[in-house]
Amino acid sequence: MNKMKQKIAAALLAAACIPLTPLTAGAQYCETDWSYFTDLVEFDDHGMLHGANDPDSRLFIRTYLNHSGEERYLLVKATPIPNLIRFMPRETLTPEVADEIAETLDPVFPGLHENVEIRYFGDTDTEFVRTYRSEQATLGFAFDERYGRMIHLNFKEEPEHAAELEASILLALAKKHLISEFYGFGQTVLINDGDMYCGGDYYTTEELENPDEATLARLNRDASPLGCVAYIAYATPDYSEVLRVADLDAIQAYLDEKYPGFTLETFETVPFPYRGKDGVETMITQPRFRIAGAEELSFVKQVELVCELWETFDLPLGYGFNQSSSETGAGNALKKPGDVTLDTDITIVDVIALNRNIMTGDPLCETAKLNADLNGNGTPDETDSLNLLKYIVGINETLG
């Protein structure tokens, strides 16, 4: 169908304005879309890295290349935030847009619009932060581009009937075309990178900056989670009082049963200086073990085996995640094939919006472009418009 025919069909259908079934409240709400993490490898930590405050978090391994081009690994903890909704405004974020959003949500959160706090840049009259508060939630806007354009709606506690509440917020904002992205309860994930501390050896600054062959061999051994593992826990920071010692014979028997061919080998770290409370510096060593044969496992499987041994034998292992964290969206609710206008419905209005983009260059935001690209070629085009039209009038049962 050429452009003229498309325009005629669009005009006719616009008069008829044939709608489809609107988004159903509760459908795919409050669900984390873990497919966003498919480029990472998930692993079983056997409870070692999970805290009591984040039972819903999931753990992954991220692979990266260091400055020398060698593969290195980071632990990644991804924790859904159950009491947060985030969304991106369609237009440039201004105080006027913020006020319209707050007014739109006021029927959902009575008193939100009128209870506003404004902070300014220094002694200027330029707004820096605008915060609206209701009894149930806080809506925050930051007008500094360094903080991004994402808007946060924080709840004091995870609400009852969260799916219905999320749906009402989404529909209220989408029907007024105020947002281009929307992440509901649990669809924003907090990301922390970290490392596991299995023991390790000691290295001087000189050894790290100019390693000889022996140092390189130790570094390569320590690169494996099972290459230099601590098995003695100390009760005091000066290593003078032993708290517990793992049963190495029991560990070997466990390996013989579960992982035939793996052998536990003990050794001492190189001596390193320790300064006690009395100021006297002494050289001490630490006992370690490695598991010969485990180096054939993938890094992820080695991490899982370390966690398994920690769970079974109470090894004195540790881990740490960065205090700084980042947020990522896992389930943009406005990503819906065919919904070019981002109002949660698929109607002839979406065809008209798509045709305007194709014919006159009317801009579409990134989410709208993804929704319009039905054939998946990377760009909304006339084929997408025709397929969308056929779907709306019932010629095609599916989009695409």
Protein backbone atom coordinates (compact mmCIF):
# COMPACT_ATOMS: atom_id res chain seq x y z
CA MET A 1 0.00 0.00 0.00
CA ASN A 2 1.49 3.36 -0.98
CA LYS A 3 1.61 6.43 1.24
CA MET A 4 -1.54 8.00 -0.22
CA LYS A 5 -3.58 4.87 0.43
CA GLN A 6 -2.19 4.69 3.93
CA LYS A 7 -3.24 8.27 4.56
CA ILE A 8 -6.75 7.65 3.21
CA ALA A 9 -7.14 4.50 5.32
CA ALA A 10 -5.83 6.32 8.36
CA ALA A 11 -8.31 9.15 7.86
CA LEU A 12 -11.24 6.75 7.50
CA LEU A 13 -10.27 4.79 10.54
CA ALA A 14 -9.68 7.95 12.53
CA ALA A 15 -13.32 8.79 12.00
CA ALA A 16 -14.33 5.34 13.20
CA CYS A 17 -11.70 5.44 16.01
CA ILE A 18 -11.66 1.67 16.55
CA PRO A 19 -10.11 0.90 19.99
CA LEU A 20 -8.61 -2.32 21.24
CA THR A 21 -8.92 -3.76 24.72
CA PRO A 22 -7.03 -1.48 27.13
CA LEU A 23 -4.28 -2.64 29.43
CA THR A 24 -5.66 -4.89 32.14
CA ALA A 25 -4.96 -3.73 35.69
CA GLY A 26 -2.58 -6.13 37.44
CA ALA A 27 -1.23 -7.68 34.25
CA GLN A 28 2.55 -8.06 34.56
CA TYR A 29 2.65 -5.58 37.41
CA CYS A 30 5.07 -5.78 40.35
CA GLU A 31 7.25 -8.30 38.51
CA THR A 32 10.97 -7.94 37.96
CA ASP A 33 11.98 -8.70 34.39
CA TRP A 34 15.20 -10.66 34.93
CA SER A 35 15.74 -10.99 31.19
CA TYR A 36 17.54 -7.64 31.45
CA PHE A 37 20.43 -9.55 33.06
CA THR A 38 20.89 -12.20 30.37
CA ASP A 39 24.39 -10.91 29.57
CA LEU A 40 25.47 -11.91 33.09
CA VAL A 41 25.82 -15.41 34.54
CA GLU A 42 23.75 -16.20 37.62
CA PHE A 43 25.21 -18.41 40.34
CA ASP A 44 24.14 -20.16 43.54
CA ASP A 45 25.75 -18.57 46.61
CA HIS A 46 24.36 -21.19 49.04
CA GLY A 47 23.24 -18.32 51.26
CA MET A 48 26.72 -16.85 51.69
CA LEU A 49 26.17 -13.51 49.98
CA HIS A 50 22.49 -12.95 50.69
CA GLY A 51 21.67 -10.71 53.61
CA ALA A 52 18.57 -10.89 55.77
CA ASN A 53 17.44 -7.55 54.33
CA ASP A 54 17.58 -8.60 50.68
CA PRO A 55 16.08 -12.10 50.36
CA ASP A 56 14.83 -11.34 46.84
CA SER A 57 18.22 -10.34 45.45
CA ARG A 58 19.93 -12.41 42.79
CA LEU A 59 23.64 -12.84 42.22
CA PHE A 60 25.56 -12.77 38.96
CA ILE A 61 29.10 -12.77 37.63
CA ARG A 62 30.16 -9.94 35.34
CA THR A 63 33.15 -10.57 33.06
CA TYR A 64 35.35 -7.68 31.95
CA LEU A 65 38.83 -7.08 30.52
CA ASN A 66 41.48 -5.34 32.62
CA HIS A 67 44.02 -2.86 31.27
CA SER A 68 46.17 -5.78 30.07
CA GLY A 69 43.32 -7.38 28.15
CA GLU A 70 42.94 -10.22 30.67
CA GLU A 71 39.55 -11.51 31.78
CA ARG A 72 38.53 -10.48 35.28
CA TYR A 73 35.33 -11.02 37.21
CA LEU A 74 33.05 -9.08 39.54
CA LEU A 75 30.22 -10.24 41.73
CA VAL A 76 26.98 -8.42 40.98
CA LYS A 77 24.10 -8.30 43.43
CA ALA A 78 20.79 -7.21 41.93
CA THR A 79 18.09 -6.33 44.45
CA PRO A 80 14.55 -5.34 43.39
CA ILE A 81 13.18 -2.31 45.26
CA PRO A 82 9.64 -3.20 46.36
CA ASN A 83 8.50 0.24 47.52
CA LEU A 84 9.64 2.42 44.61
CA ILE A 85 8.08 3.48 41.31
CA ARG A 86 10.18 5.37 38.76
CA PHE A 87 9.17 7.06 35.52
CA MET A 88 10.67 9.29 32.85
CA PRO A 89 8.88 12.46 31.73
CA ARG A 90 8.16 12.80 28.03
CA GLU A 91 9.20 16.42 27.92
CA THR A 92 12.12 18.27 29.45
CA LEU A 93 11.70 18.16 33.21
CA THR A 94 10.67 21.60 34.45
CA PRO A 95 8.84 22.84 37.57
CA GLU A 96 5.71 23.14 35.45
CA VAL A 97 5.93 19.52 34.30
CA ALA A 98 6.59 18.42 37.89
CA ASP A 99 3.52 20.30 39.06
CA GLU A 100 1.34 18.74 36.35
CA ILE A 101 2.52 15.25 37.31
CA ALA A 102 1.81 15.91 40.99
CA GLU A 103 -1.63 17.27 40.15
CA THR A 104 -2.35 14.21 38.00
CA LEU A 105 -1.46 11.88 40.87
CA ASP A 106 -3.30 13.86 43.55
CA PRO A 107 -6.53 11.84 43.18
CA VAL A 108 -4.48 8.71 43.87
CA PHE A 109 -2.60 10.33 46.77
CA PRO A 110 -4.86 12.95 48.33
CA GLY A 111 -3.00 16.06 49.44
CA LEU A 112 0.10 15.32 47.35
CA HIS A 113 -0.17 18.35 45.06
CA GLU A 114 -0.56 20.98 47.77
CA ASN A 115 2.13 19.64 50.11
CA VAL A 116 5.26 20.72 48.20
CA GLU A 117 8.75 21.69 49.31
CA ILE A 118 11.04 23.62 46.94
CA ARG A 119 14.79 24.05 47.24
CA TYR A 120 16.81 26.49 45.16
CA PHE A 121 20.35 26.78 43.83
CA GLY A 122 22.12 28.85 46.48
CA ASP A 123 20.65 32.35 46.69
CA THR A 124 19.08 32.20 43.22
CA ASP A 125 15.43 31.76 42.29
CA THR A 126 16.29 28.72 40.14
CA GLU A 127 14.73 25.54 41.46
CA PHE A 128 17.04 22.65 42.33
CA VAL A 129 14.71 20.08 43.92
CA ARG A 130 10.94 19.88 44.24
CA THR A 131 9.37 17.34 46.62
CA TYR A 132 5.67 16.52 47.03
CA ARG A 133 4.49 14.49 50.01
CA SER A 134 1.37 12.60 50.91
CA GLU A 135 0.61 10.31 53.81
CA GLN A 136 1.55 7.30 51.68
CA ALA A 137 4.33 8.42 49.34
CA THR A 138 6.93 11.04 48.40
CA LEU A 139 7.35 12.30 44.84
CA GLY A 140 10.74 13.82 44.10
CA PHE A 141 12.06 15.87 41.17
CA ALA A 142 15.66 17.01 40.61
CA PHE A 143 16.18 19.67 37.94
CA ASP A 144 19.95 19.21 37.69
CA GLU A 145 20.78 17.11 34.60
CA ARG A 146 23.65 15.49 36.51
CA TYR A 147 21.03 13.50 38.42
CA GLY A 148 19.27 12.34 35.26
CA ARG A 149 15.61 12.80 34.35
CA MET A 150 14.15 9.81 36.16
CA ILE A 151 11.45 10.68 38.69
CA HIS A 152 11.14 8.74 41.96
CA LEU A 153 7.90 7.95 43.75
CA ASN A 154 8.94 6.46 47.10
CA PHE A 155 6.52 4.69 49.42
CA LYS A 156 6.97 4.57 53.18
CA GLU A 157 6.26 0.85 53.05
CA GLU A 158 5.30 -1.72 50.47
CA PRO A 159 1.62 -0.94 49.82
CA GLU A 160 -1.29 -3.33 49.93
CA HIS A 161 -2.91 -4.08 46.56
CA ALA A 162 0.32 -2.95 44.93
CA ALA A 163 -0.62 -4.18 41.45
CA GLU A 164 -3.86 -2.19 41.35
CA LEU A 165 -2.14 0.89 42.76
CA GLU A 166 0.66 0.60 40.21
CA ALA A 167 -1.88 0.28 37.39
CA SER A 168 -3.77 3.37 38.49
CA ILE A 169 -0.56 5.43 38.62
CA LEU A 170 0.57 4.23 35.22
CA LEU A 171 -2.78 4.83 33.55
CA ALA A 172 -3.18 8.29 35.10
CA LEU A 173 0.20 9.43 33.77
CA ALA A 174 0.01 7.63 30.42
CA LYS A 175 -3.45 8.91 29.51
CA LYS A 176 -2.12 12.46 29.78
CA HIS A 177 0.98 11.54 27.72
CA LEU A 178 3.28 12.69 30.52
CA ILE A 179 5.78 9.81 30.56
CA SER A 180 7.97 7.81 28.20
CA GLU A 181 9.19 5.11 30.62
CA PHE A 182 7.58 3.52 33.68
CA TYR A 183 9.06 1.05 36.18
CA GLY A 184 6.68 -0.29 38.80
CA PHE A 185 7.16 -1.97 42.15
CA GLY A 186 10.13 -4.33 41.99
CA GLN A 187 10.93 -3.23 38.43
CA THR A 188 13.75 -0.98 39.57
CA VAL A 189 16.77 -3.01 40.61
CA LEU A 190 19.61 -1.81 42.82
CA ILE A 191 23.01 -2.94 41.47
CA ASN A 192 26.11 -3.42 43.62
CA ASP A 193 29.45 -4.71 42.37
CA GLY A 194 31.62 -6.68 44.77
CA ASP A 195 34.36 -9.21 45.39
CA MET A 196 34.75 -12.41 47.37
CA TYR A 197 37.61 -12.73 49.84
CA CYS A 198 38.71 -16.33 50.07
CA GLY A 199 42.04 -15.66 51.73
CA GLY A 200 44.65 -14.71 49.20
CA ASP A 201 48.37 -14.19 49.51
CA TYR A 202 50.38 -11.10 50.44
CA TYR A 203 52.11 -8.87 47.88
CA THR A 204 54.27 -5.81 48.24
CA THR A 205 53.71 -2.77 46.05
CA GLU A 206 56.96 -3.55 44.25
CA GLU A 207 55.82 -7.12 43.52
CA LEU A 208 52.55 -5.89 42.05
CA GLU A 209 54.19 -3.18 39.94
CA ASN A 210 57.12 -5.31 38.75
CA PRO A 211 56.19 -8.98 39.29
CA ASP A 212 58.82 -11.65 38.73
CA GLU A 213 57.97 -15.19 37.60
CA ALA A 214 57.31 -16.43 41.12
CA THR A 215 54.98 -13.52 41.87
CA LEU A 216 53.13 -14.02 38.58
CA ALA A 217 52.64 -17.68 39.47
CA ARG A 218 51.14 -16.69 42.84
CA LEU A 219 48.92 -14.05 41.21
CA ASN A 220 47.63 -16.59 38.70
CA ARG A 221 46.92 -19.02 41.52
CA ASP A 222 45.07 -16.34 43.50
CA ALA A 223 42.98 -15.42 40.46
CA SER A 224 41.03 -18.62 41.09
CA PRO A 225 38.54 -18.51 43.98
CA LEU A 226 39.83 -21.97 44.94
CA GLY A 227 43.51 -21.13 44.62
CA CYS A 228 44.22 -19.58 48.02
CA VAL A 229 41.50 -20.29 50.59
CA ALA A 230 41.66 -19.51 54.31
CA TYR A 231 40.60 -22.24 56.73
CA ILE A 232 41.49 -20.79 60.15
CA ALA A 233 39.34 -18.13 61.81
CA TYR A 234 41.00 -15.92 64.39
CA ALA A 235 39.36 -14.44 67.48
CA THR A 236 41.73 -11.46 67.66
CA PRO A 237 43.03 -9.06 64.99
CA ASP A 238 46.67 -9.92 65.84
CA TYR A 239 46.14 -13.56 64.79
CA SER A 240 47.23 -14.74 68.26
CA GLU A 241 44.02 -16.53 69.27
CA VAL A 242 42.40 -19.15 67.07
CA LEU A 243 38.61 -19.22 66.98
CA ARG A 244 38.10 -22.30 64.83
CA VAL A 245 39.90 -24.46 62.28
CA ALA A 246 38.10 -26.13 59.39
CA ASP A 247 38.42 -29.92 59.23
CA LEU A 248 40.62 -30.42 56.16
CA ASP A 249 40.21 -34.21 56.23
CA ALA A 250 36.44 -33.79 56.15
CA ILE A 251 36.74 -31.34 53.24
CA GLN A 252 38.87 -33.82 51.30
CA ALA A 253 36.39 -36.62 51.99
CA TYR A 254 33.60 -34.36 50.76
CA LEU A 255 35.55 -33.58 47.58
CA ASP A 256 36.24 -37.28 47.02
CA GLU A 257 32.51 -37.98 47.17
CA LYS A 258 31.16 -34.94 45.31
CA TYR A 259 34.07 -33.97 43.07
CA PRO A 260 36.30 -36.99 42.38
CA GLY A 261 39.78 -36.01 41.31
CA PHE A 262 39.90 -32.74 43.25
CA THR A 263 42.72 -32.66 45.80
CA LEU A 264 43.17 -30.31 48.73
CA GLU A 265 46.72 -28.95 49.06
CA THR A 266 47.87 -26.81 52.00
CA PHE A 267 50.59 -24.14 51.99
CA GLU A 268 51.68 -20.97 53.79
CA THR A 269 51.42 -17.43 52.50
CA VAL A 270 54.60 -15.44 52.10
CA PRO A 271 55.57 -13.65 55.33
CA PHE A 272 54.01 -10.22 55.74
CA PRO A 273 54.47 -7.50 58.36
CA TYR A 274 51.94 -6.99 61.13
CA ARG A 275 52.15 -4.14 63.62
CA GLY A 276 50.54 -4.92 66.99
CA LYS A 277 49.05 -2.58 69.56
CA ASP A 278 52.46 -2.27 71.17
CA GLY A 279 53.83 -0.84 67.93
CA VAL A 280 56.15 -3.76 67.40
CA GLU A 281 56.19 -5.10 63.84
CA THR A 282 56.48 -8.84 63.33
CA MET A 283 56.48 -11.02 60.25
CA ILE A 284 53.75 -13.64 60.16
CA THR A 285 52.37 -16.14 57.68
CA GLN A 286 48.87 -17.50 57.13
CA PRO A 287 47.87 -21.09 56.35
CA ARG A 288 45.90 -21.57 53.15
CA PHE A 289 44.69 -24.39 50.92
CA ARG A 290 44.05 -24.75 47.26
CA ILE A 291 41.96 -27.33 45.40
CA ALA A 292 44.02 -28.90 42.65
CA GLY A 293 41.93 -29.91 39.66
CA ALA A 294 39.26 -27.26 40.25
CA GLU A 295 41.04 -24.86 37.91
CA GLU A 296 39.38 -26.78 35.07
CA LEU A 297 36.01 -25.49 36.24
CA SER A 298 34.59 -22.25 34.90
CA PHE A 299 34.96 -19.22 37.16
CA VAL A 300 31.26 -19.35 38.02
CA LYS A 301 31.45 -23.02 39.03
CA GLN A 302 34.50 -22.26 41.16
CA VAL A 303 32.61 -19.51 42.96
CA GLU A 304 29.69 -21.88 43.54
CA LEU A 305 32.04 -24.53 44.96
CA VAL A 306 33.60 -21.97 47.33
CA CYS A 307 30.12 -21.02 48.56
CA GLU A 308 29.20 -24.69 48.90
CA LEU A 309 32.27 -25.35 51.06
CA TRP A 310 31.51 -22.24 53.13
CA GLU A 311 27.99 -23.52 53.78
CA THR A 312 29.12 -27.06 54.62
CA PHE A 313 32.30 -26.41 56.63
CA ASP A 314 31.89 -22.83 57.94
CA LEU A 315 35.03 -21.58 56.22
CA PRO A 316 36.17 -18.09 57.35
CA LEU A 317 35.52 -16.48 53.99
CA GLY A 318 34.31 -12.97 53.33
CA TYR A 319 32.91 -10.72 50.67
CA GLY A 320 32.29 -7.06 50.11
CA PHE A 321 30.03 -5.00 47.89
CA ASN A 322 30.66 -1.38 47.00
CA GLN A 323 28.76 1.14 49.08
CA SER A 324 27.92 3.03 45.91
CA SER A 325 25.15 1.51 43.85
CA SER A 326 23.23 2.18 40.67
CA GLU A 327 19.63 1.72 39.66
CA THR A 328 18.50 -0.01 36.52
CA GLY A 329 15.04 -0.61 35.11
CA ALA A 330 13.87 -4.19 34.74
CA GLY A 331 10.49 -4.05 33.06
CA ASN A 332 9.45 -0.77 31.41
CA ALA A 333 5.63 -1.06 31.53
CA LEU A 334 5.27 1.27 28.53
CA LYS A 335 7.09 -1.13 26.23
CA LYS A 336 4.10 -2.55 24.40
CA PRO A 337 4.31 -3.31 20.67
CA GLY A 338 1.96 -1.07 18.73
CA ASP A 339 1.48 1.54 21.47
CA VAL A 340 3.17 4.44 19.68
CA THR A 341 1.46 7.13 21.76
CA LEU A 342 2.36 5.42 25.05
CA ASP A 343 -1.14 5.72 26.50
CA THR A 344 -1.39 1.92 27.12
CA ASP A 345 -4.05 1.51 24.39
CA ILE A 346 -3.57 0.45 20.76
CA THR A 347 -5.90 2.46 18.51
CA ILE A 348 -5.88 4.27 15.18
CA VAL A 349 -4.29 7.18 16.99
CA ASP A 350 -1.10 5.10 17.13
CA VAL A 351 -1.18 4.65 13.34
CA ILE A 352 -1.62 8.38 12.87
CA ALA A 353 1.30 9.13 15.22
CA LEU A 354 3.49 6.63 13.39
CA ASN A 355 2.54 8.02 9.97
CA ARG A 356 3.35 11.54 11.12
CA ASN A 357 6.77 10.34 12.21
CA ILE A 358 7.37 8.60 8.88
CA MET A 359 6.01 11.39 6.64
CA THR A 360 6.87 14.60 8.45
CA GLY A 361 9.54 13.58 10.94
CA ASP A 362 7.45 14.18 14.07
CA PRO A 363 9.77 12.91 16.83
CA LEU A 364 9.18 9.73 18.78
CA CYS A 365 10.88 8.95 22.09
CA GLU A 366 12.94 5.77 22.39
CA THR A 367 10.15 3.72 23.95
CA ALA A 368 7.71 4.82 21.22
CA LYS A 369 10.25 3.87 18.55
CA LEU A 370 10.63 0.40 20.07
CA ASN A 371 6.86 -0.04 20.19
CA ALA A 372 6.48 1.14 16.59
CA ASP A 373 9.21 -1.11 15.17
CA LEU A 374 6.98 -4.14 14.72
CA ASN A 375 9.15 -5.90 12.14
CA GLY A 376 12.27 -5.47 14.26
CA ASN A 377 14.48 -3.90 11.61
CA GLY A 378 15.57 -1.13 13.95
CA THR A 379 13.54 1.73 12.45
CA PRO A 380 9.79 2.41 12.40
CA ASP A 381 8.70 2.38 8.75
CA GLU A 382 5.75 2.02 6.38
CA THR A 383 5.65 -1.76 6.82
CA ASP A 384 5.17 -1.27 10.55
CA SER A 385 2.40 1.24 9.92
CA LEU A 386 0.60 -1.15 7.58
CA ASN A 387 0.93 -4.09 9.99
CA LEU A 388 -0.39 -1.98 12.84
CA LEU A 389 -3.34 -0.86 10.74
CA LYS A 390 -4.16 -4.45 9.73
CA TYR A 391 -4.06 -5.51 13.35
CA ILE A 392 -6.40 -2.76 14.47
CA VAL A 393 -9.04 -3.49 11.82
CA GLY A 394 -8.79 -7.22 12.45
CA ILE A 395 -7.09 -8.35 9.23
CA ASN A 396 -4.12 -9.67 11.23
CA GLU A 397 -4.51 -11.42 14.56
CA THR A 398 -1.00 -10.50 15.70
CA LEU A 399 1.31 -7.52 15.34
CA GLY A 400 4.40 -7.77 13.18
